[in-house]
Amino acid sequence: MADYHELPSVGAYEVMVRRYIEGRLAELAQARGATAAGFEADLLAVFEDLSGRGHGDPLGALAIATGRSRDSLRQLLAAARRRDEGTRTPQSPGPRDSGA
């Protein structure tokens, strides 16, 4: 059994991650003017953030928070990566490949 002070109760972590994802996607949408054109980039930003924080299943967390399938999200993330590669200059690094 997990120590009371080390880990949240069962399900609390998932709820916290879902709320973070929902809030972060809303912030990103507001920052870009809520146009549909940037949704994939927003998903990629949140996916990479979760990966960078060491989340065990960032794709699964995004799937739960957005109500989309893993396959659908893989396609959206791939589209965002392709779009980013097309706009990147040789000096600017692009997002790292996180296995999605």
Protein backbone atom coordinates (compact mmCIF):
# COMPACT_ATOMS: atom_id res chain seq x y z
CA MET A 1 0.00 0.00 0.00
CA ALA A 2 1.29 3.47 -0.87
CA ASP A 3 2.44 5.70 1.92
CA TYR A 4 -0.20 8.34 2.64
CA HIS A 5 2.22 11.23 2.14
CA GLU A 6 3.90 9.96 -1.03
CA LEU A 7 1.09 9.12 -3.45
CA PRO A 8 -2.39 10.51 -3.98
CA SER A 9 -5.36 8.29 -3.35
CA VAL A 10 -6.52 5.90 -6.06
CA GLY A 11 -7.78 7.88 -9.03
CA ALA A 12 -6.73 11.28 -7.69
CA TYR A 13 -3.66 11.46 -9.91
CA GLU A 14 -5.68 10.69 -13.03
CA VAL A 15 -8.25 13.35 -12.11
CA MET A 16 -5.47 15.88 -11.51
CA VAL A 17 -3.83 15.08 -14.87
CA ARG A 18 -7.17 15.25 -16.71
CA ARG A 19 -7.96 18.64 -15.18
CA TYR A 20 -4.47 19.89 -16.03
CA ILE A 21 -4.86 18.78 -19.66
CA GLU A 22 -8.30 20.35 -20.00
CA GLY A 23 -7.09 23.62 -18.46
CA ARG A 24 -3.92 23.73 -20.53
CA LEU A 25 -5.78 23.06 -23.80
CA ALA A 26 -8.23 25.84 -22.92
CA GLU A 27 -5.35 28.26 -22.18
CA LEU A 28 -3.63 27.43 -25.45
CA ALA A 29 -6.88 27.82 -27.41
CA GLN A 30 -7.50 31.20 -25.84
CA ALA A 31 -3.94 32.32 -26.56
CA ARG A 32 -4.26 31.52 -30.28
CA GLY A 33 -7.77 32.94 -30.58
CA ALA A 34 -9.63 29.62 -30.43
CA THR A 35 -9.24 28.90 -34.14
CA ALA A 36 -9.42 25.26 -35.12
CA ALA A 37 -6.17 25.52 -37.09
CA GLY A 38 -3.97 25.29 -33.99
CA PHE A 39 -5.66 22.42 -32.16
CA GLU A 40 -3.11 19.83 -33.27
CA ALA A 41 -0.23 22.06 -32.13
CA ASP A 42 -1.95 22.50 -28.77
CA LEU A 43 -2.29 18.74 -28.37
CA LEU A 44 1.38 18.30 -29.25
CA ALA A 45 2.44 20.95 -26.73
CA VAL A 46 0.46 19.25 -23.95
CA PHE A 47 1.67 15.79 -25.00
CA GLU A 48 5.30 16.92 -24.89
CA ASP A 49 4.74 18.64 -21.56
CA LEU A 50 3.34 15.45 -20.04
CA SER A 51 6.17 13.40 -21.55
CA GLY A 52 8.75 15.83 -20.23
CA ARG A 53 7.28 15.56 -16.75
CA GLY A 54 7.69 11.80 -16.90
CA HIS A 55 4.04 10.82 -17.22
CA GLY A 56 3.81 7.08 -17.85
CA ASP A 57 1.15 7.27 -20.57
CA PRO A 58 0.74 10.78 -21.98
CA LEU A 59 -1.19 9.53 -25.01
CA GLY A 60 -3.64 7.67 -22.80
CA ALA A 61 -4.08 10.71 -20.55
CA LEU A 62 -4.82 12.87 -23.59
CA ALA A 63 -7.26 10.28 -24.89
CA ILE A 64 -9.20 10.28 -21.63
CA ALA A 65 -9.17 14.07 -21.25
CA THR A 66 -10.24 14.78 -24.83
CA GLY A 67 -12.52 11.81 -25.42
CA ARG A 68 -10.58 10.87 -28.55
CA SER A 69 -9.11 7.51 -29.44
CA ARG A 70 -5.39 6.86 -29.27
CA ASP A 71 -5.33 6.34 -33.05
CA SER A 72 -7.05 9.66 -33.65
CA LEU A 73 -4.61 11.42 -31.35
CA ARG A 74 -1.62 9.77 -33.05
CA GLN A 75 -2.86 11.18 -36.36
CA LEU A 76 -3.38 14.65 -34.90
CA LEU A 77 0.06 14.64 -33.24
CA ALA A 78 1.68 13.47 -36.48
CA ALA A 79 -0.06 16.29 -38.36
CA ALA A 80 1.23 18.82 -35.82
CA ARG A 81 4.77 17.45 -36.16
CA ARG A 82 4.60 17.63 -39.96
CA ARG A 83 3.29 21.19 -39.78
CA ASP A 84 6.04 22.13 -37.32
CA GLU A 85 8.74 20.58 -39.51
CA GLY A 86 7.49 22.62 -42.45
CA THR A 87 7.75 25.90 -40.54
CA ARG A 88 10.97 25.25 -38.63
CA THR A 89 14.13 27.08 -39.61
CA PRO A 90 17.54 25.35 -39.53
CA GLN A 91 18.44 27.27 -36.33
CA SER A 92 15.30 26.43 -34.37
CA PRO A 93 14.92 22.98 -32.83
CA GLY A 94 11.62 21.25 -33.27
CA PRO A 95 9.69 19.17 -30.75
CA ARG A 96 11.37 15.96 -29.81
CA ASP A 97 9.82 12.68 -30.90
CA SER A 98 8.08 11.20 -27.89
CA GLY A 99 6.96 7.96 -29.41
CA ALA A 100 3.35 8.84 -30.15
